[in-house]
């Protein structure tokens, strides 16, 4: 329900009103009492206040504590990963403070997996991050960001200078040509680590 309200871009008070249409029986009667308590002109409860009041009324503190304990000790065990996922989702609703962000939620989910599955999950995450970084670097080149070894106005001064008898055309390619009959040798230096950081940061 909350995700639906987010997609609709409903305000917190609008979300409460929209959610009330889904209530039936005792739950709807309870909401009418909640509305009556705001007849004096005070604003209707915001979403978090509504959720807290609803949970306090329909779920005893003992039940909440029991569900929180179940969540904290939840492990994959003999369940399939899908069964574990469904149980994780069900119990996490009772402990929103323990899964406040997607990052925290993801770490907690992995902690409950078996060591082997958790290791594989971490490998997949690292692989995905590397692929993302590789795509970012490729995108940086396609956008015309500065290329390694070249300054803003011409070739890098780190290239080796050719001898006085070498043709000037060799300067822009990073190669020094000797005046004798020996083959040209590359003088390109390895990319500077600081330039690597600059390239990543420009994406």
C-alpha atoms as a PDB file:
ATOM      1  CA  UNK A   1       0.000   0.000   0.000  1.00  0.00           C
ATOM      2  CA  UNK A   2       2.776   2.418   0.947  1.00  0.00           C
ATOM      3  CA  UNK A   3       4.567   1.850  -2.387  1.00  0.00           C
ATOM      4  CA  UNK A   4       1.338   2.584  -4.248  1.00  0.00           C
ATOM      5  CA  UNK A   5       0.974   5.868  -2.387  1.00  0.00           C
ATOM      6  CA  UNK A   6       4.571   6.774  -3.237  1.00  0.00           C
ATOM      7  CA  UNK A   7       3.930   6.198  -6.938  1.00  0.00           C
ATOM      8  CA  UNK A   8       0.824   8.374  -6.695  1.00  0.00           C
ATOM      9  CA  UNK A   9       2.946  11.075  -4.994  1.00  0.00           C
ATOM     10  CA  UNK A  10       0.313  11.396  -2.276  1.00  0.00           C
ATOM     11  CA  UNK A  11       1.109  13.559   0.738  1.00  0.00           C
ATOM     12  CA  UNK A  12       1.239  11.908   4.161  1.00  0.00           C
ATOM     13  CA  UNK A  13      -2.257  13.052   5.106  1.00  0.00           C
ATOM     14  CA  UNK A  14      -3.647  12.126   1.677  1.00  0.00           C
ATOM     15  CA  UNK A  15      -2.074   8.701   2.079  1.00  0.00           C
ATOM     16  CA  UNK A  16      -3.968   8.152   5.323  1.00  0.00           C
ATOM     17  CA  UNK A  17      -7.279   9.072   3.680  1.00  0.00           C
ATOM     18  CA  UNK A  18      -6.635   6.796   0.706  1.00  0.00           C
ATOM     19  CA  UNK A  19      -5.566   3.902   2.937  1.00  0.00           C
ATOM     20  CA  UNK A  20      -8.746   4.251   4.988  1.00  0.00           C
ATOM     21  CA  UNK A  21     -10.822   3.128   1.992  1.00  0.00           C
ATOM     22  CA  UNK A  22      -9.165  -0.306   2.257  1.00  0.00           C
ATOM     23  CA  UNK A  23     -10.206  -0.782   5.894  1.00  0.00           C
ATOM     24  CA  UNK A  24     -13.131  -3.044   6.691  1.00  0.00           C
ATOM     25  CA  UNK A  25     -15.085  -4.064   9.783  1.00  0.00           C
ATOM     26  CA  UNK A  26     -13.385  -3.316  13.121  1.00  0.00           C
ATOM     27  CA  UNK A  27     -10.498  -1.605  11.349  1.00  0.00           C
ATOM     28  CA  UNK A  28     -12.838   0.865   9.648  1.00  0.00           C
ATOM     29  CA  UNK A  29     -14.682   1.535  12.917  1.00  0.00           C
ATOM     30  CA  UNK A  30     -11.353   2.249  14.577  1.00  0.00           C
ATOM     31  CA  UNK A  31     -10.437   4.722  11.818  1.00  0.00           C
ATOM     32  CA  UNK A  32     -13.735   6.573  12.249  1.00  0.00           C
ATOM     33  CA  UNK A  33     -12.880   7.004  15.928  1.00  0.00           C
ATOM     34  CA  UNK A  34      -9.475   8.320  14.885  1.00  0.00           C
ATOM     35  CA  UNK A  35     -11.137  10.842  12.583  1.00  0.00           C
ATOM     36  CA  UNK A  36     -13.546  11.915  15.331  1.00  0.00           C
ATOM     37  CA  UNK A  37     -10.580  12.755  17.543  1.00  0.00           C
ATOM     38  CA  UNK A  38      -9.564  15.378  14.948  1.00  0.00           C
ATOM     39  CA  UNK A  39     -12.942  17.065  14.555  1.00  0.00           C
ATOM     40  CA  UNK A  40     -11.653  20.045  16.516  1.00  0.00           C
ATOM     41  CA  UNK A  41      -9.792  21.242  13.430  1.00  0.00           C
ATOM     42  CA  UNK A  42      -6.443  19.628  14.139  1.00  0.00           C
ATOM     43  CA  UNK A  43      -4.898  17.963  11.080  1.00  0.00           C
ATOM     44  CA  UNK A  44      -5.450  14.281  10.466  1.00  0.00           C
ATOM     45  CA  UNK A  45      -2.639  11.967  11.545  1.00  0.00           C
ATOM     46  CA  UNK A  46       0.324  11.706   9.216  1.00  0.00           C
ATOM     47  CA  UNK A  47       1.265   8.355   7.700  1.00  0.00           C
ATOM     48  CA  UNK A  48       3.784   7.291  10.363  1.00  0.00           C
ATOM     49  CA  UNK A  49       1.410   8.293  13.149  1.00  0.00           C
ATOM     50  CA  UNK A  50      -1.400   6.370  11.455  1.00  0.00           C
ATOM     51  CA  UNK A  51       0.728   3.216  11.121  1.00  0.00           C
ATOM     52  CA  UNK A  52       1.926   3.400  14.739  1.00  0.00           C
ATOM     53  CA  UNK A  53      -1.616   3.916  16.044  1.00  0.00           C
ATOM     54  CA  UNK A  54      -2.959   1.062  13.922  1.00  0.00           C
ATOM     55  CA  UNK A  55      -0.237  -1.367  15.023  1.00  0.00           C
ATOM     56  CA  UNK A  56      -0.606  -0.401  18.680  1.00  0.00           C
ATOM     57  CA  UNK A  57      -4.368  -0.963  18.552  1.00  0.00           C
ATOM     58  CA  UNK A  58      -4.511  -4.230  16.633  1.00  0.00           C
ATOM     59  CA  UNK A  59      -1.211  -5.847  17.584  1.00  0.00           C
ATOM     60  CA  UNK A  60      -0.369  -6.243  21.282  1.00  0.00           C
ATOM     61  CA  UNK A  61       3.134  -5.314  22.389  1.00  0.00           C
ATOM     62  CA  UNK A  62       3.823  -8.979  23.109  1.00  0.00           C
ATOM     63  CA  UNK A  63       3.049  -9.909  19.510  1.00  0.00           C
ATOM     64  CA  UNK A  64       5.267  -7.141  18.161  1.00  0.00           C
ATOM     65  CA  UNK A  65       8.132  -8.246  20.407  1.00  0.00           C
ATOM     66  CA  UNK A  66       7.709 -11.860  19.322  1.00  0.00           C
ATOM     67  CA  UNK A  67       7.797 -10.921  15.630  1.00  0.00           C
ATOM     68  CA  UNK A  68      10.872  -8.753  16.182  1.00  0.00           C
ATOM     69  CA  UNK A  69      12.655 -11.681  17.851  1.00  0.00           C
ATOM     70  CA  UNK A  70      11.702 -13.966  14.963  1.00  0.00           C
ATOM     71  CA  UNK A  71      13.191 -11.475  12.529  1.00  0.00           C
ATOM     72  CA  UNK A  72      16.438 -11.093  14.462  1.00  0.00           C
ATOM     73  CA  UNK A  73      17.101 -14.855  14.551  1.00  0.00           C
ATOM     74  CA  UNK A  74      15.828 -15.573  11.036  1.00  0.00           C
ATOM     75  CA  UNK A  75      18.232 -17.795   9.078  1.00  0.00           C
ATOM     76  CA  UNK A  76      18.014 -19.646   5.792  1.00  0.00           C
ATOM     77  CA  UNK A  77      18.315 -23.044   7.460  1.00  0.00           C
ATOM     78  CA  UNK A  78      16.391 -25.724   5.541  1.00  0.00           C
ATOM     79  CA  UNK A  79      14.278 -23.191   3.635  1.00  0.00           C
ATOM     80  CA  UNK A  80      14.764 -22.402  -0.012  1.00  0.00           C
ATOM     81  CA  UNK A  81      16.068 -18.914  -0.788  1.00  0.00           C
ATOM     82  CA  UNK A  82      12.586 -17.944  -2.007  1.00  0.00           C
ATOM     83  CA  UNK A  83      10.939 -19.171   1.210  1.00  0.00           C
ATOM     84  CA  UNK A  84      13.556 -17.301   3.227  1.00  0.00           C
ATOM     85  CA  UNK A  85      12.880 -14.155   1.197  1.00  0.00           C
ATOM     86  CA  UNK A  86       9.125 -14.350   1.802  1.00  0.00           C
ATOM     87  CA  UNK A  87       9.614 -14.843   5.549  1.00  0.00           C
ATOM     88  CA  UNK A  88      12.102 -11.972   5.629  1.00  0.00           C
ATOM     89  CA  UNK A  89       9.589  -9.648   3.951  1.00  0.00           C
ATOM     90  CA  UNK A  90       6.776 -10.734   6.277  1.00  0.00           C
ATOM     91  CA  UNK A  91       8.734 -10.210   9.504  1.00  0.00           C
ATOM     92  CA  UNK A  92      10.524  -7.030   8.405  1.00  0.00           C
ATOM     93  CA  UNK A  93       7.168  -5.216   8.496  1.00  0.00           C
ATOM     94  CA  UNK A  94       7.245  -5.492  12.282  1.00  0.00           C
ATOM     95  CA  UNK A  95      10.737  -4.005  12.643  1.00  0.00           C
ATOM     96  CA  UNK A  96      10.947  -1.041  10.224  1.00  0.00           C
ATOM     97  CA  UNK A  97      13.664   0.515  12.382  1.00  0.00           C
ATOM     98  CA  UNK A  98      15.974  -2.421  11.560  1.00  0.00           C
ATOM     99  CA  UNK A  99      15.513  -2.104   7.783  1.00  0.00           C
ATOM    100  CA  UNK A 100      15.314   1.671   7.451  1.00  0.00           C
ATOM    101  CA  UNK A 101      17.271   1.807   4.162  1.00  0.00           C
ATOM    102  CA  UNK A 102      17.733  -0.547   1.217  1.00  0.00           C
ATOM    103  CA  UNK A 103      21.437  -0.884   2.040  1.00  0.00           C
ATOM    104  CA  UNK A 104      20.729  -1.943   5.631  1.00  0.00           C
ATOM    105  CA  UNK A 105      17.940  -4.222   4.438  1.00  0.00           C
ATOM    106  CA  UNK A 106      20.256  -5.910   1.924  1.00  0.00           C
ATOM    107  CA  UNK A 107      23.023  -6.498   4.476  1.00  0.00           C
ATOM    108  CA  UNK A 108      20.554  -7.974   6.960  1.00  0.00           C
ATOM    109  CA  UNK A 109      19.147 -10.287   4.293  1.00  0.00           C
ATOM    110  CA  UNK A 110      22.607 -11.591   3.378  1.00  0.00           C
ATOM    111  CA  UNK A 111      23.484 -12.156   7.043  1.00  0.00           C
ATOM    112  CA  UNK A 112      20.689 -14.708   7.316  1.00  0.00           C
ATOM    113  CA  UNK A 113      21.860 -16.736   4.334  1.00  0.00           C
ATOM    114  CA  UNK A 114      24.118 -19.774   4.637  1.00  0.00           C
ATOM    115  CA  UNK A 115      27.863 -18.962   4.438  1.00  0.00           C
ATOM    116  CA  UNK A 116      28.112 -20.454   0.941  1.00  0.00           C
ATOM    117  CA  UNK A 117      25.137 -18.541  -0.442  1.00  0.00           C
ATOM    118  CA  UNK A 118      26.261 -15.343   1.300  1.00  0.00           C
ATOM    119  CA  UNK A 119      29.708 -15.661  -0.289  1.00  0.00           C
ATOM    120  CA  UNK A 120      28.178 -16.122  -3.733  1.00  0.00           C
ATOM    121  CA  UNK A 121      25.906 -13.113  -3.157  1.00  0.00           C
ATOM    122  CA  UNK A 122      28.912 -10.947  -2.266  1.00  0.00           C
ATOM    123  CA  UNK A 123      30.758 -12.136  -5.386  1.00  0.00           C
ATOM    124  CA  UNK A 124      27.792 -11.201  -7.547  1.00  0.00           C
ATOM    125  CA  UNK A 125      27.650  -7.765  -5.933  1.00  0.00           C
ATOM    126  CA  UNK A 126      31.377  -7.166  -6.530  1.00  0.00           C
ATOM    127  CA  UNK A 127      31.034  -8.327 -10.141  1.00  0.00           C
ATOM    128  CA  UNK A 128      28.080  -6.013 -10.699  1.00  0.00           C
ATOM    129  CA  UNK A 129      30.022  -3.066  -9.243  1.00  0.00           C
ATOM    130  CA  UNK A 130      32.996  -3.784 -11.519  1.00  0.00           C
ATOM    131  CA  UNK A 131      30.761  -3.981 -14.582  1.00  0.00           C
ATOM    132  CA  UNK A 132      29.108  -0.716 -13.580  1.00  0.00           C
ATOM    133  CA  UNK A 133      32.509   0.987 -13.183  1.00  0.00           C
ATOM    134  CA  UNK A 134      33.600  -0.371 -16.560  1.00  0.00           C
ATOM    135  CA  UNK A 135      30.480   1.040 -18.223  1.00  0.00           C
ATOM    136  CA  UNK A 136      31.078   4.376 -16.507  1.00  0.00           C
ATOM    137  CA  UNK A 137      34.638   4.535 -17.861  1.00  0.00           C
ATOM    138  CA  UNK A 138      33.441   3.652 -21.364  1.00  0.00           C
ATOM    139  CA  UNK A 139      30.781   6.343 -21.157  1.00  0.00           C
ATOM    140  CA  UNK A 140      33.441   8.838 -20.088  1.00  0.00           C
ATOM    141  CA  UNK A 141      35.499   8.144 -23.220  1.00  0.00           C
ATOM    142  CA  UNK A 142      32.468   8.460 -25.483  1.00  0.00           C
ATOM    143  CA  UNK A 143      31.608  11.841 -23.971  1.00  0.00           C
ATOM    144  CA  UNK A 144      34.985  13.256 -24.960  1.00  0.00           C
ATOM    145  CA  UNK A 145      36.545  13.547 -21.515  1.00  0.00           C
ATOM    146  CA  UNK A 146      40.326  14.196 -21.343  1.00  0.00           C
ATOM    147  CA  UNK A 147      42.336  11.209 -22.563  1.00  0.00           C
ATOM    148  CA  UNK A 148      45.235   9.798 -20.564  1.00  0.00           C
ATOM    149  CA  UNK A 149      48.504  11.484 -21.428  1.00  0.00           C
ATOM    150  CA  UNK A 150      47.102  14.635 -23.058  1.00  0.00           C
ATOM    151  CA  UNK A 151      46.733  18.050 -21.538  1.00  0.00           C
ATOM    152  CA  UNK A 152      44.045  20.610 -22.354  1.00  0.00           C
ATOM    153  CA  UNK A 153      45.975  22.266 -25.186  1.00  0.00           C
ATOM    154  CA  UNK A 154      48.240  19.641 -26.686  1.00  0.00           C
ATOM    155  CA  UNK A 155      50.304  16.488 -26.205  1.00  0.00           C
ATOM    156  CA  UNK A 156      51.526  15.603 -22.715  1.00  0.00           C
ATOM    157  CA  UNK A 157      55.001  16.773 -21.832  1.00  0.00           C
ATOM    158  CA  UNK A 158      55.641  13.333 -20.306  1.00  0.00           C
ATOM    159  CA  UNK A 159      56.279  11.878 -23.739  1.00  0.00           C
ATOM    160  CA  UNK A 160      59.968  11.446 -24.588  1.00  0.00           C
ATOM    161  CA  UNK A 161      61.232  14.100 -26.962  1.00  0.00           C
ATOM    162  CA  UNK A 162      62.617  12.913 -30.280  1.00  0.00           C
ATOM    163  CA  UNK A 163      66.164  13.712 -31.391  1.00  0.00           C
ATOM    164  CA  UNK A 164      66.799  16.882 -33.366  1.00  0.00           C
ATOM    165  CA  UNK A 165      66.915  14.953 -36.646  1.00  0.00           C
ATOM    166  CA  UNK A 166      63.547  13.193 -36.123  1.00  0.00           C
ATOM    167  CA  UNK A 167      60.548  14.436 -38.140  1.00  0.00           C
ATOM    168  CA  UNK A 168      58.067  16.559 -36.151  1.00  0.00           C
ATOM    169  CA  UNK A 169      55.203  14.201 -37.041  1.00  0.00           C
ATOM    170  CA  UNK A 170      56.343  11.809 -34.304  1.00  0.00           C
ATOM    171  CA  UNK A 171      55.588  14.246 -31.494  1.00  0.00           C
ATOM    172  CA  UNK A 172      51.812  13.854 -31.366  1.00  0.00           C
ATOM    173  CA  UNK A 173      51.818  10.036 -31.234  1.00  0.00           C
ATOM    174  CA  UNK A 174      53.960   9.365 -28.187  1.00  0.00           C
ATOM    175  CA  UNK A 175      56.789   7.735 -30.109  1.00  0.00           C
ATOM    176  CA  UNK A 176      60.442   8.866 -30.438  1.00  0.00           C
ATOM    177  CA  UNK A 177      62.210   8.038 -33.681  1.00  0.00           C
ATOM    178  CA  UNK A 178      65.968   7.700 -33.746  1.00  0.00           C
ATOM    179  CA  UNK A 179      68.108   9.253 -36.492  1.00  0.00           C
ATOM    180  CA  UNK A 180      69.681   5.904 -37.224  1.00  0.00           C
ATOM    181  CA  UNK A 181      68.268   2.747 -38.765  1.00  0.00           C
ATOM    182  CA  UNK A 182      66.917   1.255 -35.522  1.00  0.00           C
ATOM    183  CA  UNK A 183      63.106   0.745 -35.142  1.00  0.00           C
ATOM    184  CA  UNK A 184      61.055   3.352 -33.291  1.00  0.00           C
ATOM    185  CA  UNK A 185      60.414   2.577 -29.638  1.00  0.00           C
ATOM    186  CA  UNK A 186      57.368   3.517 -27.601  1.00  0.00           C
ATOM    187  CA  UNK A 187      57.871   6.067 -24.845  1.00  0.00           C
ATOM    188  CA  UNK A 188      54.309   6.144 -23.509  1.00  0.00           C
ATOM    189  CA  UNK A 189      54.305   6.232 -19.713  1.00  0.00           C
ATOM    190  CA  UNK A 190      51.764   4.230 -17.643  1.00  0.00           C
ATOM    191  CA  UNK A 191      48.633   6.250 -16.794  1.00  0.00           C
ATOM    192  CA  UNK A 192      48.965   8.269 -13.647  1.00  0.00           C
ATOM    193  CA  UNK A 193      46.779   7.098 -10.767  1.00  0.00           C
ATOM    194  CA  UNK A 194      45.528  10.630 -10.181  1.00  0.00           C
ATOM    195  CA  UNK A 195      44.392  10.786 -13.828  1.00  0.00           C
ATOM    196  CA  UNK A 196      42.503   7.540 -13.320  1.00  0.00           C
ATOM    197  CA  UNK A 197      40.677   9.082 -10.373  1.00  0.00           C
ATOM    198  CA  UNK A 198      39.901  12.188 -12.436  1.00  0.00           C
ATOM    199  CA  UNK A 199      38.471  10.067 -15.220  1.00  0.00           C
ATOM    200  CA  UNK A 200      36.177   8.198 -12.877  1.00  0.00           C
ATOM    201  CA  UNK A 201      35.082  11.354 -11.151  1.00  0.00           C
ATOM    202  CA  UNK A 202      34.122  12.987 -14.436  1.00  0.00           C
ATOM    203  CA  UNK A 203      31.461  10.451 -15.250  1.00  0.00           C
END
